[in-house]
């Protein structure tokens, strides 16, 4: 019985480990489609020291799909800097008007 419990706990732990996907964008609501996406740079020093985390951004996207402004909602300052540089280069699908997009980028190995 105890070995089954241990196996279940190990299996549960494995399911909660971060995936191999380095940069994933998550969104609570469906937003505008990203047409051109530039991946953020993951600094080698942070990678080698296993410093990981999420960066949360709020982007104002113009009707033509260009990113007009970015507001930081949270994250490691070094990762934030790289995330902002990448998202500024993103191009979204055109829309009838300006939209607000919530962007979450995961920096993981």
PDB file of N, CA and C in Angstrom:
ATOM      1  N   UNK A   1       0.830  -1.189   0.000  1.00  0.00           N
ATOM      2  CA  UNK A   1       0.000   0.000   0.000  1.00  0.00           C
ATOM      3  C   UNK A   1       0.874   1.253   0.000  1.00  0.00           C
ATOM      4  N   UNK A   2       1.921   1.235   0.821  1.00  0.00           N
ATOM      5  CA  UNK A   2       2.797   2.393   0.925  1.00  0.00           C
ATOM      6  C   UNK A   2       3.542   2.645  -0.393  1.00  0.00           C
ATOM      7  N   UNK A   3       3.961   1.578  -1.077  1.00  0.00           N
ATOM      8  CA  UNK A   3       4.673   1.736  -2.343  1.00  0.00           C
ATOM      9  C   UNK A   3       3.755   2.329  -3.413  1.00  0.00           C
ATOM     10  N   UNK A   4       2.475   2.001  -3.378  1.00  0.00           N
ATOM     11  CA  UNK A   4       1.524   2.586  -4.329  1.00  0.00           C
ATOM     12  C   UNK A   4       1.354   4.076  -4.057  1.00  0.00           C
ATOM     13  N   UNK A   5       1.319   4.430  -2.800  1.00  0.00           N
ATOM     14  CA  UNK A   5       1.197   5.842  -2.435  1.00  0.00           C
ATOM     15  C   UNK A   5       2.427   6.613  -2.889  1.00  0.00           C
ATOM     16  N   UNK A   6       3.597   6.040  -2.685  1.00  0.00           N
ATOM     17  CA  UNK A   6       4.841   6.687  -3.138  1.00  0.00           C
ATOM     18  C   UNK A   6       4.855   6.840  -4.653  1.00  0.00           C
ATOM     19  N   UNK A   7       4.442   5.800  -5.361  1.00  0.00           N
ATOM     20  CA  UNK A   7       4.405   5.860  -6.825  1.00  0.00           C
ATOM     21  C   UNK A   7       3.432   6.932  -7.289  1.00  0.00           C
ATOM     22  N   UNK A   8       2.279   7.037  -6.627  1.00  0.00           N
ATOM     23  CA  UNK A   8       1.291   8.055  -6.983  1.00  0.00           C
ATOM     24  C   UNK A   8       1.852   9.450  -6.742  1.00  0.00           C
ATOM     25  N   UNK A   9       2.524   9.656  -5.625  1.00  0.00           N
ATOM     26  CA  UNK A   9       3.104  10.968  -5.321  1.00  0.00           C
ATOM     27  C   UNK A   9       4.189  11.350  -6.319  1.00  0.00           C
ATOM     28  N   UNK A  10       5.018  10.402  -6.694  1.00  0.00           N
ATOM     29  CA  UNK A  10       6.073  10.676  -7.679  1.00  0.00           C
ATOM     30  C   UNK A  10       5.448  11.013  -9.029  1.00  0.00           C
ATOM     31  N   UNK A  11       4.448  10.250  -9.430  1.00  0.00           N
ATOM     32  CA  UNK A  11       3.763  10.517 -10.697  1.00  0.00           C
ATOM     33  C   UNK A  11       3.128  11.902 -10.675  1.00  0.00           C
ATOM     34  N   UNK A  12       2.486  12.262  -9.569  1.00  0.00           N
ATOM     35  CA  UNK A  12       1.861  13.584  -9.447  1.00  0.00           C
ATOM     36  C   UNK A  12       2.897  14.689  -9.540  1.00  0.00           C
ATOM     37  N   UNK A  13       4.047  14.484  -8.923  1.00  0.00           N
ATOM     38  CA  UNK A  13       5.116  15.464  -8.967  1.00  0.00           C
ATOM     39  C   UNK A  13       5.631  15.649 -10.390  1.00  0.00           C
ATOM     40  N   UNK A  14       5.784  14.553 -11.125  1.00  0.00           N
ATOM     41  CA  UNK A  14       6.260  14.628 -12.504  1.00  0.00           C
ATOM     42  C   UNK A  14       5.302  15.417 -13.385  1.00  0.00           C
ATOM     43  N   UNK A  15       4.021  15.314 -13.114  1.00  0.00           N
ATOM     44  CA  UNK A  15       3.035  16.058 -13.901  1.00  0.00           C
ATOM     45  C   UNK A  15       3.117  17.559 -13.659  1.00  0.00           C
ATOM     46  N   UNK A  16       3.618  17.955 -12.500  1.00  0.00           N
ATOM     47  CA  UNK A  16       3.676  19.381 -12.187  1.00  0.00           C
ATOM     48  C   UNK A  16       4.986  20.041 -12.587  1.00  0.00           C
ATOM     49  N   UNK A  17       5.974  19.269 -13.048  1.00  0.00           N
ATOM     50  CA  UNK A  17       7.246  19.856 -13.457  1.00  0.00           C
ATOM     51  C   UNK A  17       7.058  20.682 -14.711  1.00  0.00           C
ATOM     52  N   UNK A  18       7.849  21.774 -14.873  1.00  0.00           N
ATOM     53  CA  UNK A  18       7.721  22.598 -16.066  1.00  0.00           C
ATOM     54  C   UNK A  18       8.075  21.808 -17.319  1.00  0.00           C
ATOM     55  N   UNK A  19       7.394  22.152 -18.390  1.00  0.00           N
ATOM     56  CA  UNK A  19       7.646  21.458 -19.649  1.00  0.00           C
ATOM     57  C   UNK A  19       8.922  21.957 -20.292  1.00  0.00           C
ATOM     58  N   UNK A  20       9.334  21.288 -21.348  1.00  0.00           N
ATOM     59  CA  UNK A  20      10.543  21.672 -22.073  1.00  0.00           C
ATOM     60  C   UNK A  20      10.320  22.903 -22.924  1.00  0.00           C
ATOM     61  N   UNK A  21       9.068  23.305 -23.091  1.00  0.00           N
ATOM     62  CA  UNK A  21       8.761  24.506 -23.875  1.00  0.00           C
ATOM     63  C   UNK A  21       9.390  25.708 -23.197  1.00  0.00           C
ATOM     64  N   UNK A  22      10.278  26.394 -23.883  1.00  0.00           N
ATOM     65  CA  UNK A  22      11.003  27.505 -23.283  1.00  0.00           C
ATOM     66  C   UNK A  22      10.137  28.742 -23.133  1.00  0.00           C
ATOM     67  N   UNK A  23       9.400  29.102 -24.152  1.00  0.00           N
ATOM     68  CA  UNK A  23       8.610  30.322 -24.105  1.00  0.00           C
ATOM     69  C   UNK A  23       7.196  30.017 -24.550  1.00  0.00           C
ATOM     70  N   UNK A  24       6.288  30.086 -23.627  1.00  0.00           N
ATOM     71  CA  UNK A  24       4.900  29.847 -23.965  1.00  0.00           C
ATOM     72  C   UNK A  24       4.097  31.095 -23.654  1.00  0.00           C
ATOM     73  N   UNK A  25       3.165  31.397 -24.512  1.00  0.00           N
ATOM     74  CA  UNK A  25       2.289  32.521 -24.251  1.00  0.00           C
ATOM     75  C   UNK A  25       0.982  31.964 -23.735  1.00  0.00           C
ATOM     76  N   UNK A  26       0.534  32.478 -22.610  1.00  0.00           N
ATOM     77  CA  UNK A  26      -0.721  32.050 -22.034  1.00  0.00           C
ATOM     78  C   UNK A  26      -1.661  33.235 -22.032  1.00  0.00           C
ATOM     79  N   UNK A  27      -2.935  32.981 -22.167  1.00  0.00           N
ATOM     80  CA  UNK A  27      -3.911  34.051 -22.147  1.00  0.00           C
ATOM     81  C   UNK A  27      -5.181  33.528 -21.500  1.00  0.00           C
ATOM     82  N   UNK A  28      -5.770  34.329 -20.603  1.00  0.00           N
ATOM     83  CA  UNK A  28      -6.997  33.936 -19.942  1.00  0.00           C
ATOM     84  C   UNK A  28      -8.169  34.006 -20.919  1.00  0.00           C
ATOM     85  N   UNK A  29      -8.127  34.948 -21.846  1.00  0.00           N
ATOM     86  CA  UNK A  29      -9.177  35.079 -22.845  1.00  0.00           C
ATOM     87  C   UNK A  29      -8.530  35.055 -24.221  1.00  0.00           C
ATOM     88  N   UNK A  30      -9.291  34.607 -25.202  1.00  0.00           N
ATOM     89  CA  UNK A  30      -8.693  34.615 -26.542  1.00  0.00           C
ATOM     90  C   UNK A  30      -8.467  36.050 -27.001  1.00  0.00           C
ATOM     91  N   UNK A  31      -7.271  36.321 -27.447  1.00  0.00           N
ATOM     92  CA  UNK A  31      -6.934  37.665 -27.889  1.00  0.00           C
ATOM     93  C   UNK A  31      -6.675  37.672 -29.383  1.00  0.00           C
ATOM     94  N   UNK A  32      -6.045  38.719 -29.815  1.00  0.00           N
ATOM     95  CA  UNK A  32      -5.709  38.829 -31.228  1.00  0.00           C
ATOM     96  C   UNK A  32      -4.596  37.864 -31.579  1.00  0.00           C
ATOM     97  N   UNK A  33      -4.647  37.374 -32.778  1.00  0.00           N
ATOM     98  CA  UNK A  33      -3.644  36.428 -33.256  1.00  0.00           C
ATOM     99  C   UNK A  33      -2.319  37.156 -33.487  1.00  0.00           C
ATOM    100  N   UNK A  34      -1.235  36.523 -33.051  1.00  0.00           N
ATOM    101  CA  UNK A  34       0.101  37.054 -33.290  1.00  0.00           C
ATOM    102  C   UNK A  34       0.532  36.578 -34.673  1.00  0.00           C
ATOM    103  N   UNK A  35       0.804  37.528 -35.580  1.00  0.00           N
ATOM    104  CA  UNK A  35       1.194  37.201 -36.941  1.00  0.00           C
ATOM    105  C   UNK A  35       2.709  37.021 -37.039  1.00  0.00           C
ATOM    106  N   UNK A  36       3.446  37.934 -36.418  1.00  0.00           N
ATOM    107  CA  UNK A  36       4.906  37.853 -36.390  1.00  0.00           C
ATOM    108  C   UNK A  36       5.338  37.847 -34.929  1.00  0.00           C
ATOM    109  N   UNK A  37       6.019  36.781 -34.538  1.00  0.00           N
ATOM    110  CA  UNK A  37       6.426  36.633 -33.133  1.00  0.00           C
ATOM    111  C   UNK A  37       7.939  36.506 -33.053  1.00  0.00           C
ATOM    112  N   UNK A  38       8.547  37.349 -32.224  1.00  0.00           N
ATOM    113  CA  UNK A  38       9.981  37.289 -31.963  1.00  0.00           C
ATOM    114  C   UNK A  38      10.142  36.675 -30.578  1.00  0.00           C
ATOM    115  N   UNK A  39      10.927  35.618 -30.479  1.00  0.00           N
ATOM    116  CA  UNK A  39      11.148  34.962 -29.185  1.00  0.00           C
ATOM    117  C   UNK A  39      12.122  35.792 -28.346  1.00  0.00           C
ATOM    118  N   UNK A  40      11.844  35.938 -27.062  1.00  0.00           N
ATOM    119  CA  UNK A  40      12.766  36.690 -26.202  1.00  0.00           C
ATOM    120  C   UNK A  40      14.072  35.934 -25.986  1.00  0.00           C
ATOM    121  N   UNK A  41      15.119  36.681 -25.781  1.00  0.00           N
ATOM    122  CA  UNK A  41      16.414  36.094 -25.475  1.00  0.00           C
ATOM    123  C   UNK A  41      16.414  35.642 -24.019  1.00  0.00           C
ATOM    124  N   UNK A  42      16.872  34.424 -23.796  1.00  0.00           N
ATOM    125  CA  UNK A  42      16.994  33.888 -22.444  1.00  0.00           C
ATOM    126  C   UNK A  42      18.478  33.972 -22.110  1.00  0.00           C
ATOM    127  N   UNK A  43      18.895  34.947 -21.295  1.00  0.00           N
ATOM    128  CA  UNK A  43      20.326  35.130 -21.016  1.00  0.00           C
ATOM    129  C   UNK A  43      20.999  33.843 -20.534  1.00  0.00           C
ATOM    130  N   UNK A  44      22.137  33.548 -21.119  1.00  0.00           N
ATOM    131  CA  UNK A  44      22.863  32.311 -20.817  1.00  0.00           C
ATOM    132  C   UNK A  44      23.201  32.200 -19.332  1.00  0.00           C
ATOM    133  N   UNK A  45      23.587  33.301 -18.718  1.00  0.00           N
ATOM    134  CA  UNK A  45      23.945  33.264 -17.291  1.00  0.00           C
ATOM    135  C   UNK A  45      22.750  32.833 -16.438  1.00  0.00           C
ATOM    136  N   UNK A  46      21.542  33.286 -16.813  1.00  0.00           N
ATOM    137  CA  UNK A  46      20.354  32.890 -16.061  1.00  0.00           C
ATOM    138  C   UNK A  46      20.013  31.419 -16.316  1.00  0.00           C
ATOM    139  N   UNK A  47      20.215  30.993 -17.559  1.00  0.00           N
ATOM    140  CA  UNK A  47      19.964  29.589 -17.905  1.00  0.00           C
ATOM    141  C   UNK A  47      20.881  28.661 -17.123  1.00  0.00           C
ATOM    142  N   UNK A  48      22.178  29.000 -17.085  1.00  0.00           N
ATOM    143  CA  UNK A  48      23.141  28.130 -16.404  1.00  0.00           C
ATOM    144  C   UNK A  48      22.923  28.107 -14.895  1.00  0.00           C
ATOM    145  N   UNK A  49      22.384  29.184 -14.359  1.00  0.00           N
ATOM    146  CA  UNK A  49      22.096  29.227 -12.917  1.00  0.00           C
ATOM    147  C   UNK A  49      20.677  28.765 -12.603  1.00  0.00           C
ATOM    148  N   UNK A  50      19.969  28.270 -13.647  1.00  0.00           N
ATOM    149  CA  UNK A  50      18.609  27.741 -13.506  1.00  0.00           C
ATOM    150  C   UNK A  50      17.644  28.769 -12.928  1.00  0.00           C
ATOM    151  N   UNK A  51      17.807  30.017 -13.346  1.00  0.00           N
ATOM    152  CA  UNK A  51      16.880  31.071 -12.947  1.00  0.00           C
ATOM    153  C   UNK A  51      15.774  31.106 -13.994  1.00  0.00           C
ATOM    154  N   UNK A  52      14.576  30.764 -13.564  1.00  0.00           N
ATOM    155  CA  UNK A  52      13.431  30.664 -14.445  1.00  0.00           C
ATOM    156  C   UNK A  52      12.313  31.542 -13.914  1.00  0.00           C
ATOM    157  N   UNK A  53      11.275  31.693 -14.686  1.00  0.00           N
ATOM    158  CA  UNK A  53      10.125  32.435 -14.201  1.00  0.00           C
ATOM    159  C   UNK A  53       9.224  32.903 -15.319  1.00  0.00           C
ATOM    160  N   UNK A  54       8.164  33.562 -14.908  1.00  0.00           N
ATOM    161  CA  UNK A  54       7.201  34.122 -15.839  1.00  0.00           C
ATOM    162  C   UNK A  54       7.349  35.626 -15.877  1.00  0.00           C
ATOM    163  N   UNK A  55       7.039  36.183 -17.029  1.00  0.00           N
ATOM    164  CA  UNK A  55       6.944  37.634 -17.172  1.00  0.00           C
ATOM    165  C   UNK A  55       5.529  37.924 -17.645  1.00  0.00           C
ATOM    166  N   UNK A  56       4.844  38.794 -16.921  1.00  0.00           N
ATOM    167  CA  UNK A  56       3.485  39.175 -17.280  1.00  0.00           C
ATOM    168  C   UNK A  56       3.496  40.600 -17.818  1.00  0.00           C
ATOM    169  N   UNK A  57       2.935  40.774 -19.001  1.00  0.00           N
ATOM    170  CA  UNK A  57       2.907  42.078 -19.651  1.00  0.00           C
ATOM    171  C   UNK A  57       1.490  42.419 -20.090  1.00  0.00           C
ATOM    172  N   UNK A  58       1.226  43.721 -20.162  1.00  0.00           N
ATOM    173  CA  UNK A  58      -0.019  44.242 -20.726  1.00  0.00           C
ATOM    174  C   UNK A  58       0.407  45.063 -21.934  1.00  0.00           C
ATOM    175  N   UNK A  59      -0.078  44.699 -23.117  1.00  0.00           N
ATOM    176  CA  UNK A  59       0.300  45.402 -24.339  1.00  0.00           C
ATOM    177  C   UNK A  59      -0.908  46.091 -24.947  1.00  0.00           C
ATOM    178  N   UNK A  60      -0.708  47.333 -25.374  1.00  0.00           N
ATOM    179  CA  UNK A  60      -1.718  48.056 -26.132  1.00  0.00           C
ATOM    180  C   UNK A  60      -1.357  47.856 -27.601  1.00  0.00           C
ATOM    181  N   UNK A  61      -2.282  47.253 -28.350  1.00  0.00           N
ATOM    182  CA  UNK A  61      -2.036  46.941 -29.754  1.00  0.00           C
ATOM    183  C   UNK A  61      -2.952  47.811 -30.612  1.00  0.00           C
ATOM    184  N   UNK A  62      -2.354  48.541 -31.541  1.00  0.00           N
ATOM    185  CA  UNK A  62      -3.108  49.413 -32.433  1.00  0.00           C
ATOM    186  C   UNK A  62      -3.941  48.596 -33.419  1.00  0.00           C
ATOM    187  N   UNK A  63      -4.883  49.239 -34.080  1.00  0.00           N
ATOM    188  CA  UNK A  63      -5.749  48.569 -35.041  1.00  0.00           C
ATOM    189  C   UNK A  63      -4.948  47.895 -36.155  1.00  0.00           C
ATOM    190  N   UNK A  64      -3.808  48.489 -36.543  1.00  0.00           N
ATOM    191  CA  UNK A  64      -3.001  47.915 -37.624  1.00  0.00           C
ATOM    192  C   UNK A  64      -2.152  46.721 -37.168  1.00  0.00           C
ATOM    193  N   UNK A  65      -2.148  46.415 -35.859  1.00  0.00           N
ATOM    194  CA  UNK A  65      -1.427  45.253 -35.342  1.00  0.00           C
ATOM    195  C   UNK A  65      -0.102  45.565 -34.686  1.00  0.00           C
ATOM    196  N   UNK A  66       0.327  46.826 -34.718  1.00  0.00           N
ATOM    197  CA  UNK A  66       1.586  47.204 -34.072  1.00  0.00           C
ATOM    198  C   UNK A  66       1.394  47.384 -32.573  1.00  0.00           C
ATOM    199  N   UNK A  67       2.427  47.037 -31.819  1.00  0.00           N
ATOM    200  CA  UNK A  67       2.398  47.211 -30.369  1.00  0.00           C
ATOM    201  C   UNK A  67       2.743  48.664 -30.061  1.00  0.00           C
ATOM    202  N   UNK A  68       1.822  49.371 -29.415  1.00  0.00           N
ATOM    203  CA  UNK A  68       2.009  50.793 -29.128  1.00  0.00           C
ATOM    204  C   UNK A  68       2.645  51.022 -27.762  1.00  0.00           C
ATOM    205  N   UNK A  69       2.269  50.214 -26.776  1.00  0.00           N
ATOM    206  CA  UNK A  69       2.782  50.404 -25.420  1.00  0.00           C
ATOM    207  C   UNK A  69       2.772  49.077 -24.681  1.00  0.00           C
ATOM    208  N   UNK A  70       3.703  48.955 -23.743  1.00  0.00           N
ATOM    209  CA  UNK A  70       3.798  47.744 -22.922  1.00  0.00           C
ATOM    210  C   UNK A  70       3.934  48.162 -21.464  1.00  0.00           C
ATOM    211  N   UNK A  71       3.145  47.531 -20.624  1.00  0.00           N
ATOM    212  CA  UNK A  71       3.201  47.769 -19.180  1.00  0.00           C
ATOM    213  C   UNK A  71       3.575  46.458 -18.504  1.00  0.00           C
ATOM    214  N   UNK A  72       4.531  46.510 -17.603  1.00  0.00           N
ATOM    215  CA  UNK A  72       4.977  45.310 -16.890  1.00  0.00           C
ATOM    216  C   UNK A  72       4.017  45.037 -15.744  1.00  0.00           C
ATOM    217  N   UNK A  73       3.555  43.795 -15.680  1.00  0.00           N
ATOM    218  CA  UNK A  73       2.667  43.365 -14.597  1.00  0.00           C
ATOM    219  C   UNK A  73       3.399  42.500 -13.581  1.00  0.00           C
ATOM    220  N   UNK A  74       4.608  41.998 -13.953  1.00  0.00           N
ATOM    221  CA  UNK A  74       5.379  41.210 -13.006  1.00  0.00           C
ATOM    222  C   UNK A  74       6.446  40.385 -13.681  1.00  0.00           C
ATOM    223  N   UNK A  75       7.461  40.026 -12.893  1.00  0.00           N
ATOM    224  CA  UNK A  75       8.519  39.160 -13.392  1.00  0.00           C
ATOM    225  C   UNK A  75       9.899  39.636 -12.971  1.00  0.00           C
ATOM    226  N   UNK A  76      10.879  38.766 -13.134  1.00  0.00           N
ATOM    227  CA  UNK A  76      12.275  39.073 -12.842  1.00  0.00           C
ATOM    228  C   UNK A  76      12.722  40.220 -13.751  1.00  0.00           C
ATOM    229  N   UNK A  77      13.323  41.286 -13.202  1.00  0.00           N
ATOM    230  CA  UNK A  77      13.701  42.452 -14.023  1.00  0.00           C
ATOM    231  C   UNK A  77      14.573  42.135 -15.230  1.00  0.00           C
ATOM    232  N   UNK A  78      15.483  41.186 -15.121  1.00  0.00           N
ATOM    233  CA  UNK A  78      16.334  40.846 -16.271  1.00  0.00           C
ATOM    234  C   UNK A  78      15.499  40.136 -17.339  1.00  0.00           C
ATOM    235  N   UNK A  79      14.606  39.263 -16.919  1.00  0.00           N
ATOM    236  CA  UNK A  79      13.734  38.584 -17.872  1.00  0.00           C
ATOM    237  C   UNK A  79      12.741  39.566 -18.485  1.00  0.00           C
ATOM    238  N   UNK A  80      12.270  40.519 -17.686  1.00  0.00           N
ATOM    239  CA  UNK A  80      11.327  41.534 -18.163  1.00  0.00           C
ATOM    240  C   UNK A  80      11.941  42.323 -19.307  1.00  0.00           C
ATOM    241  N   UNK A  81      13.171  42.734 -19.137  1.00  0.00           N
ATOM    242  CA  UNK A  81      13.866  43.525 -20.163  1.00  0.00           C
ATOM    243  C   UNK A  81      13.877  42.788 -21.508  1.00  0.00           C
ATOM    244  N   UNK A  82      14.187  41.508 -21.483  1.00  0.00           N
ATOM    245  CA  UNK A  82      14.229  40.711 -22.709  1.00  0.00           C
ATOM    246  C   UNK A  82      12.832  40.455 -23.280  1.00  0.00           C
ATOM    247  N   UNK A  83      11.867  40.278 -22.407  1.00  0.00           N
ATOM    248  CA  UNK A  83      10.493  40.051 -22.860  1.00  0.00           C
ATOM    249  C   UNK A  83       9.936  41.291 -23.561  1.00  0.00           C
ATOM    250  N   UNK A  84      10.179  42.464 -22.992  1.00  0.00           N
ATOM    251  CA  UNK A  84       9.697  43.707 -23.599  1.00  0.00           C
ATOM    252  C   UNK A  84      10.319  43.914 -24.972  1.00  0.00           C
ATOM    253  N   UNK A  85      11.619  43.702 -25.070  1.00  0.00           N
ATOM    254  CA  UNK A  85      12.301  43.875 -26.357  1.00  0.00           C
ATOM    255  C   UNK A  85      11.691  42.972 -27.427  1.00  0.00           C
ATOM    256  N   UNK A  86      11.343  41.756 -27.074  1.00  0.00           N
ATOM    257  CA  UNK A  86      10.761  40.819 -28.036  1.00  0.00           C
ATOM    258  C   UNK A  86       9.331  41.224 -28.408  1.00  0.00           C
ATOM    259  N   UNK A  87       8.506  41.511 -27.406  1.00  0.00           N
ATOM    260  CA  UNK A  87       7.091  41.809 -27.661  1.00  0.00           C
ATOM    261  C   UNK A  87       6.934  43.111 -28.459  1.00  0.00           C
ATOM    262  N   UNK A  88       7.837  44.052 -28.290  1.00  0.00           N
ATOM    263  CA  UNK A  88       7.784  45.292 -29.091  1.00  0.00           C
ATOM    264  C   UNK A  88       7.895  44.988 -30.580  1.00  0.00           C
ATOM    265  N   UNK A  89       8.542  43.893 -30.928  1.00  0.00           N
ATOM    266  CA  UNK A  89       8.723  43.516 -32.339  1.00  0.00           C
ATOM    267  C   UNK A  89       7.581  42.638 -32.865  1.00  0.00           C
ATOM    268  N   UNK A  90       6.658  42.237 -32.002  1.00  0.00           N
ATOM    269  CA  UNK A  90       5.545  41.408 -32.441  1.00  0.00           C
ATOM    270  C   UNK A  90       4.620  42.205 -33.342  1.00  0.00           C
ATOM    271  N   UNK A  91       3.955  41.485 -34.223  1.00  0.00           N
ATOM    272  CA  UNK A  91       2.939  42.072 -35.092  1.00  0.00           C
ATOM    273  C   UNK A  91       1.683  41.228 -34.931  1.00  0.00           C
ATOM    274  N   UNK A  92       0.569  41.885 -34.598  1.00  0.00           N
ATOM    275  CA  UNK A  92      -0.706  41.201 -34.408  1.00  0.00           C
ATOM    276  C   UNK A  92      -1.565  41.337 -35.659  1.00  0.00           C
ATOM    277  N   UNK A  93      -2.571  40.512 -35.759  1.00  0.00           N
ATOM    278  CA  UNK A  93      -3.518  40.590 -36.877  1.00  0.00           C
ATOM    279  C   UNK A  93      -4.276  41.915 -36.787  1.00  0.00           C
ATOM    280  N   UNK A  94      -4.574  42.535 -37.919  1.00  0.00           N
ATOM    281  CA  UNK A  94      -5.345  43.784 -37.899  1.00  0.00           C
ATOM    282  C   UNK A  94      -6.721  43.576 -37.263  1.00  0.00           C
ATOM    283  N   UNK A  95      -7.247  44.646 -36.679  1.00  0.00           N
ATOM    284  CA  UNK A  95      -8.568  44.606 -36.052  1.00  0.00           C
ATOM    285  C   UNK A  95      -9.268  45.930 -36.317  1.00  0.00           C
ATOM    286  N   UNK A  96     -10.531  45.996 -35.935  1.00  0.00           N
ATOM    287  CA  UNK A  96     -11.318  47.210 -36.155  1.00  0.00           C
ATOM    288  C   UNK A  96     -10.861  48.360 -35.268  1.00  0.00           C
ATOM    289  N   UNK A  97     -10.302  48.028 -34.113  1.00  0.00           N
ATOM    290  CA  UNK A  97      -9.866  49.083 -33.200  1.00  0.00           C
ATOM    291  C   UNK A  97      -8.692  48.594 -32.349  1.00  0.00           C
ATOM    292  N   UNK A  98      -8.175  49.500 -31.549  1.00  0.00           N
ATOM    293  CA  UNK A  98      -7.077  49.197 -30.622  1.00  0.00           C
ATOM    294  C   UNK A  98      -7.559  48.200 -29.574  1.00  0.00           C
ATOM    295  N   UNK A  99      -6.681  47.284 -29.154  1.00  0.00           N
ATOM    296  CA  UNK A  99      -7.038  46.302 -28.132  1.00  0.00           C
ATOM    297  C   UNK A  99      -5.968  46.239 -27.049  1.00  0.00           C
ATOM    298  N   UNK A 100      -6.351  45.701 -25.918  1.00  0.00           N
ATOM    299  CA  UNK A 100      -5.427  45.453 -24.814  1.00  0.00           C
ATOM    300  C   UNK A 100      -5.198  43.954 -24.748  1.00  0.00           C
ATOM    301  N   UNK A 101      -3.931  43.556 -24.730  1.00  0.00           N
ATOM    302  CA  UNK A 101      -3.582  42.136 -24.713  1.00  0.00           C
ATOM    303  C   UNK A 101      -2.762  41.816 -23.470  1.00  0.00           C
ATOM    304  N   UNK A 102      -3.149  40.762 -22.775  1.00  0.00           N
ATOM    305  CA  UNK A 102      -2.382  40.261 -21.635  1.00  0.00           C
ATOM    306  C   UNK A 102      -1.465  39.165 -22.148  1.00  0.00           C
ATOM    307  N   UNK A 103      -0.186  39.298 -21.878  1.00  0.00           N
ATOM    308  CA  UNK A 103       0.811  38.344 -22.381  1.00  0.00           C
ATOM    309  C   UNK A 103       1.583  37.782 -21.202  1.00  0.00           C
ATOM    310  N   UNK A 104       1.731  36.469 -21.165  1.00  0.00           N
ATOM    311  CA  UNK A 104       2.542  35.799 -20.145  1.00  0.00           C
ATOM    312  C   UNK A 104       3.593  34.965 -20.878  1.00  0.00           C
ATOM    313  N   UNK A 105       4.852  35.246 -20.607  1.00  0.00           N
ATOM    314  CA  UNK A 105       5.945  34.496 -21.206  1.00  0.00           C
ATOM    315  C   UNK A 105       6.641  33.695 -20.122  1.00  0.00           C
ATOM    316  N   UNK A 106       6.863  32.413 -20.388  1.00  0.00           N
ATOM    317  CA  UNK A 106       7.553  31.530 -19.450  1.00  0.00           C
ATOM    318  C   UNK A 106       9.005  31.374 -19.893  1.00  0.00           C
ATOM    319  N   UNK A 107       9.917  31.673 -19.002  1.00  0.00           N
ATOM    320  CA  UNK A 107      11.333  31.427 -19.241  1.00  0.00           C
ATOM    321  C   UNK A 107      11.685  30.193 -18.438  1.00  0.00           C
ATOM    322  N   UNK A 108      11.889  29.085 -19.133  1.00  0.00           N
ATOM    323  CA  UNK A 108      12.205  27.816 -18.487  1.00  0.00           C
ATOM    324  C   UNK A 108      13.116  27.029 -19.401  1.00  0.00           C
ATOM    325  N   UNK A 109      13.829  26.075 -18.820  1.00  0.00           N
ATOM    326  CA  UNK A 109      14.757  25.255 -19.613  1.00  0.00           C
ATOM    327  C   UNK A 109      14.086  24.079 -20.224  1.00  0.00           C
TER     328      UNK A 109
END
